[in-house]
Protein backbone atom coordinates (compact mmCIF):
# COMPACT_ATOMS: atom_id res chain seq x y z
CA MET A 1 95.78 44.93 57.32
CA THR A 2 93.03 46.88 59.08
CA ASP A 3 92.30 50.05 57.13
CA LEU A 4 92.10 53.55 58.60
CA HIS A 5 88.30 53.53 58.54
CA GLU A 6 88.17 50.45 60.73
CA LEU A 7 90.89 51.67 63.10
CA HIS A 8 89.04 54.94 63.58
CA ARG A 9 85.74 53.14 64.14
CA GLN A 10 87.32 50.82 66.70
CA ARG A 11 88.97 53.66 68.59
CA CYS A 12 85.71 55.61 68.74
CA GLU A 13 83.82 52.54 69.93
CA GLU A 14 86.37 51.83 72.67
CA ALA A 15 86.04 55.43 73.87
CA GLY A 16 82.24 55.36 73.86
CA ILE A 17 81.96 57.77 70.92
CA VAL A 18 79.33 55.89 68.94
CA SER A 19 76.44 58.19 68.01
CA ALA A 20 76.49 61.02 65.47
CA ASP A 21 76.08 63.59 68.26
CA ALA A 22 78.94 62.04 70.24
CA ILE A 23 81.21 62.24 67.20
CA VAL A 24 80.43 65.92 66.61
CA ASN A 25 80.96 66.68 70.31
CA ALA A 26 84.31 64.90 70.28
CA MET A 27 85.32 66.71 67.09
CA ALA A 28 84.47 70.00 68.79
CA VAL A 29 86.72 69.10 71.72
CA GLY A 30 89.51 68.39 69.25
CA LEU A 31 88.87 71.65 67.40
CA VAL A 32 89.11 73.77 70.55
CA ILE A 33 92.30 71.97 71.60
CA GLU A 34 93.89 72.24 68.16
CA VAL A 35 93.12 75.86 67.38
CA TRP A 36 92.77 77.52 70.79
CA ARG A 37 93.84 75.60 73.88
CA ASN A 38 97.30 74.30 72.98
CA SER A 39 98.50 77.65 71.68
CA PRO A 40 99.91 80.98 72.88
CA VAL A 41 96.75 81.18 74.99
CA GLU A 42 98.71 79.06 77.47
CA ASP A 43 101.33 81.81 77.62
CA MET A 44 98.52 84.30 78.26
CA HIS A 45 97.22 82.01 80.99
CA ALA A 46 100.62 82.07 82.69
CA SER A 47 100.99 85.84 82.47
CA ARG A 48 99.94 88.44 85.02
CA ARG A 49 97.13 89.83 82.86
CA GLY A 50 96.00 86.52 81.42
CA PRO A 51 92.93 84.39 82.15
CA SER A 52 92.78 82.42 85.39
CA ASP A 53 92.12 78.68 85.67
CA ALA A 54 88.41 79.39 86.16
CA GLU A 55 88.31 81.72 83.17
CA MET A 56 90.14 79.22 80.97
CA PHE A 57 87.58 76.56 81.91
CA ALA A 58 84.66 78.89 81.22
CA GLU A 59 85.98 80.08 77.86
CA SER A 60 86.96 76.59 76.69
CA THR A 61 83.48 75.21 77.45
CA ALA A 62 81.83 78.18 75.74
CA LEU A 63 84.07 77.64 72.72
CA HIS A 64 83.11 73.98 72.67
CA ASP A 65 79.46 74.93 72.14
CA ARG A 66 80.52 77.30 69.38
CA ALA A 67 82.66 74.59 67.78
CA VAL A 68 79.74 72.13 67.78
CA LEU A 69 77.65 74.63 65.82
CA ALA A 70 80.49 75.21 63.37
CA LEU A 71 81.00 71.50 62.72
CA GLN A 72 77.29 71.02 62.05
CA GLU A 73 77.37 73.51 59.18
CA GLU A 74 77.12 72.11 55.68
CA ASN A 75 80.10 74.14 54.50
CA ARG A 76 82.75 73.39 57.09
CA ALA A 77 85.38 75.57 55.43
CA PHE A 78 83.26 78.69 55.89
CA ALA A 79 82.34 77.55 59.39
CA LEU A 80 86.00 77.13 60.35
CA ILE A 81 86.73 80.64 59.09
CA ASP A 82 83.85 81.97 61.19
CA PHE A 83 85.22 80.10 64.20
CA GLU A 84 88.62 81.67 63.54
CA ARG A 85 87.04 85.14 63.45
CA HIS A 86 85.34 84.40 66.77
CA LEU A 87 88.65 83.42 68.35
CA LEU A 88 90.47 86.46 66.98
CA ASP A 89 87.82 89.04 67.90
CA ARG A 90 89.78 91.34 70.20
CA MET A 91 86.68 93.07 71.57
CA ARG A 92 84.56 89.99 72.37
CA PRO A 93 84.18 89.39 76.12
CA TRP A 94 85.48 85.97 77.17
CA ALA A 95 83.24 83.69 79.21
CA GLY A 96 83.74 83.84 82.96
CA THR A 97 85.85 87.01 82.87
CA GLU A 98 83.18 89.62 83.71
CA GLY A 99 83.70 91.34 80.38
CA LYS A 100 87.44 91.06 79.75
CA THR A 101 88.47 90.74 76.11
CA LEU A 102 91.30 89.19 74.13
CA LYS A 103 92.88 92.63 73.84
CA GLU A 104 93.18 92.77 77.65
CA LEU A 105 93.85 89.11 78.43
CA GLY A 106 96.32 88.56 75.60
CA TYR A 107 98.47 91.65 76.01
CA GLY A 108 101.94 90.87 74.67
CA HIS A 109 100.83 87.66 72.95
CA LEU A 110 98.31 88.87 70.37
CA GLY A 111 100.54 88.50 67.32
CA THR A 112 101.70 84.95 68.05
CA TYR A 113 98.19 83.95 69.06
CA ALA A 114 96.69 85.24 65.80
CA ARG A 115 99.35 83.47 63.74
CA HIS A 116 98.71 80.20 65.56
CA VAL A 117 94.93 80.36 65.13
CA LYS A 118 95.21 81.18 61.41
CA ASP A 119 97.86 78.52 60.82
CA ARG A 120 95.87 75.77 62.49
CA THR A 121 92.63 76.79 60.78
CA ASN A 122 94.33 76.68 57.38
CA ALA A 123 95.83 73.29 58.18
CA LEU A 124 92.43 71.89 59.14
CA MET A 125 90.84 73.23 55.97
CA SER A 126 93.57 71.57 53.91
CA LEU A 127 92.54 68.16 55.29
CA ALA A 128 89.72 68.18 52.73
CA ASP A 129 92.37 67.34 50.12
CA HIS A 130 93.09 63.98 51.74
CA THR A 131 91.31 60.94 50.31
CA CYS A 132 92.58 58.14 52.56
CA VAL A 133 89.38 58.35 54.65
CA ASP A 134 85.88 59.65 53.92
CA ASP A 135 85.99 62.41 56.55
CA PRO A 136 89.61 63.28 57.35
CA LEU A 137 88.58 66.24 59.54
CA GLN A 138 86.55 63.90 61.74
CA VAL A 139 89.39 61.40 62.05
CA TYR A 140 91.91 64.10 62.91
CA LEU A 141 89.81 66.02 65.42
CA VAL A 142 88.39 62.99 67.23
CA ASN A 143 91.87 61.57 67.65
CA ARG A 144 93.07 64.98 68.84
CA ALA A 145 90.35 64.91 71.48
CA LEU A 146 91.22 61.36 72.51
CA GLY A 147 94.87 62.33 72.80
CA SER A 148 94.54 65.51 74.85
CA GLY A 149 90.94 65.98 75.96
CA ARG A 150 89.39 62.76 77.19
CA ASN A 151 88.06 64.47 80.32
CA HIS A 152 86.78 67.64 78.64
CA LYS A 153 83.16 68.68 78.36
CA GLY A 154 81.82 67.00 75.22
CA MET A 155 83.58 63.68 75.83
CA PRO A 156 81.92 60.54 77.26
CA SER A 157 83.86 60.86 80.53
CA TRP A 158 82.55 64.37 81.32
CA PRO A 159 79.19 63.14 82.72
CA VAL A 160 81.16 60.72 84.93
CA ILE A 161 83.27 63.59 86.27
CA VAL A 162 80.16 65.68 86.96
CA GLU A 163 78.58 62.73 88.76
CA ARG A 164 81.72 62.39 90.88
CA ILE A 165 81.67 66.09 91.75
CA CYS A 166 78.14 65.58 93.08
CA ILE A 167 79.22 62.52 95.06
CA LEU A 168 82.11 64.45 96.60
CA LEU A 169 79.86 67.36 97.51
CA ALA A 170 77.42 65.01 99.21
CA ALA A 171 80.17 63.09 101.01
CA PRO A 172 83.02 65.31 102.27
CA GLY A 173 84.55 62.26 103.93
CA HIS A 174 84.75 60.26 100.68
CA PRO A 175 88.14 58.51 100.30
CA ALA A 176 88.77 60.27 96.98
CA TRP A 177 89.28 63.49 98.92
CA TYR A 178 92.62 62.11 100.16
CA GLY A 179 91.82 63.01 103.78
CA ASP A 180 93.27 66.13 105.46
CA ASN A 181 89.71 67.47 105.74
CA SER A 182 89.89 68.63 102.13
CA GLY A 183 86.24 67.73 101.57
CA GLU A 184 85.10 69.74 104.57
CA ARG A 185 87.21 72.70 103.44
CA ALA A 186 85.72 72.56 99.95
CA LEU A 187 82.18 72.59 101.28
CA ALA A 188 82.97 75.38 103.73
CA ALA A 189 84.30 77.47 100.84
CA MET A 190 81.23 76.91 98.64
CA PRO A 191 79.95 80.35 97.54
CA PRO A 192 76.39 81.31 98.53
CA SER A 193 75.60 81.70 94.83
CA ALA A 194 76.34 78.02 94.13
CA PRO A 195 73.16 76.23 93.00
CA PRO A 196 71.90 73.04 94.70
CA ILE A 197 73.84 69.90 93.77
CA ASP A 198 71.29 68.63 91.24
CA LYS A 199 71.08 72.02 89.53
CA LEU A 200 74.87 72.38 89.57
CA ALA A 201 75.17 69.02 87.82
CA GLU A 202 72.65 70.10 85.19
CA ILE A 203 74.57 73.30 84.45
CA LEU A 204 77.96 71.56 84.40
CA LEU A 205 76.63 69.11 81.83
CA SER A 206 75.18 71.79 79.57
CA THR A 207 76.53 75.34 80.01
CA PRO A 208 79.12 75.51 82.81
CA TYR A 209 80.39 78.87 81.54
CA ARG A 210 77.09 80.42 82.71
CA LEU A 211 77.87 79.75 86.37
CA PRO A 212 78.68 82.81 88.51
CA ARG A 213 82.36 83.71 88.44
CA GLU A 214 82.86 82.94 92.15
CA VAL A 215 81.40 79.46 91.60
CA LEU A 216 83.76 78.86 88.67
CA VAL A 217 86.71 79.93 90.85
CA TRP A 218 85.57 77.58 93.63
CA LEU A 219 85.15 74.68 91.21
CA SER A 220 88.55 75.27 89.62
CA HIS A 221 90.21 75.35 93.03
CA HIS A 222 88.63 72.23 94.50
CA PHE A 223 87.49 70.04 91.60
CA LEU A 224 88.72 70.99 88.13
CA PHE A 225 92.37 70.04 88.37
CA CYS A 226 93.94 66.88 87.00
CA ALA A 227 95.77 65.59 90.08
CA GLY A 228 92.86 65.31 92.51
CA PRO A 229 89.21 64.42 92.79
CA PRO A 230 87.29 63.71 90.67
CA TYR A 231 90.12 63.01 88.20
CA SER A 232 92.26 61.02 90.63
CA ILE A 233 93.54 57.50 90.05
CA TYR A 234 91.52 56.39 93.07
CA SER A 235 89.25 53.52 91.98
CA TRP A 236 85.74 54.61 92.87
CA GLU A 237 84.16 51.31 91.93
CA ASN A 238 86.63 49.09 93.78
CA PRO A 239 88.52 51.06 96.46
């Protein structure tokens, strides 16, 4: 029977997660999903005061960078506690929100949110007690990312998505736009503050949360949704 080490290695290889940096990046995606994204933050997102789609994207990508730093620390337990403190800081401005804080964005959900973050952090720290694999935190978080975040920044597919965004911007008549002049409408709505395509790609690959708020809103409306381009089921290589 194939052991857990080999199964994990095979799954990472099939997903293109092969280098040490790729593994840490994937773990960070899993950490953000586990502790922050799939939590009462979704209830905040759906509320009147909560973060918008653009703000959720900005904050999640900013948290990914923070999670990478945490997972590179020698003492991961302390690093996870620091990450928890960062998430629970009620006065810290969230990325992409022009200074809004958890206290404002999470009104009515702060208690359940705090309990979720603390519960999941404690659960992740307890993984150190498992001995069935050498690095149980890695196995858990990478598989969490593969299950719910394959298209997130930090995963091998993110550069492909960014490349497709650039293709769509350069070709408003591309079949992946589904017709109905959606490509032309997207380009017509591009904010003046949007950087040139090559610079936009560079920022999306590294620090998308640093884009101007109006650009984040434009991206979230035309590109960063799961049902349409560049995430669509349309086969770009063999239409």
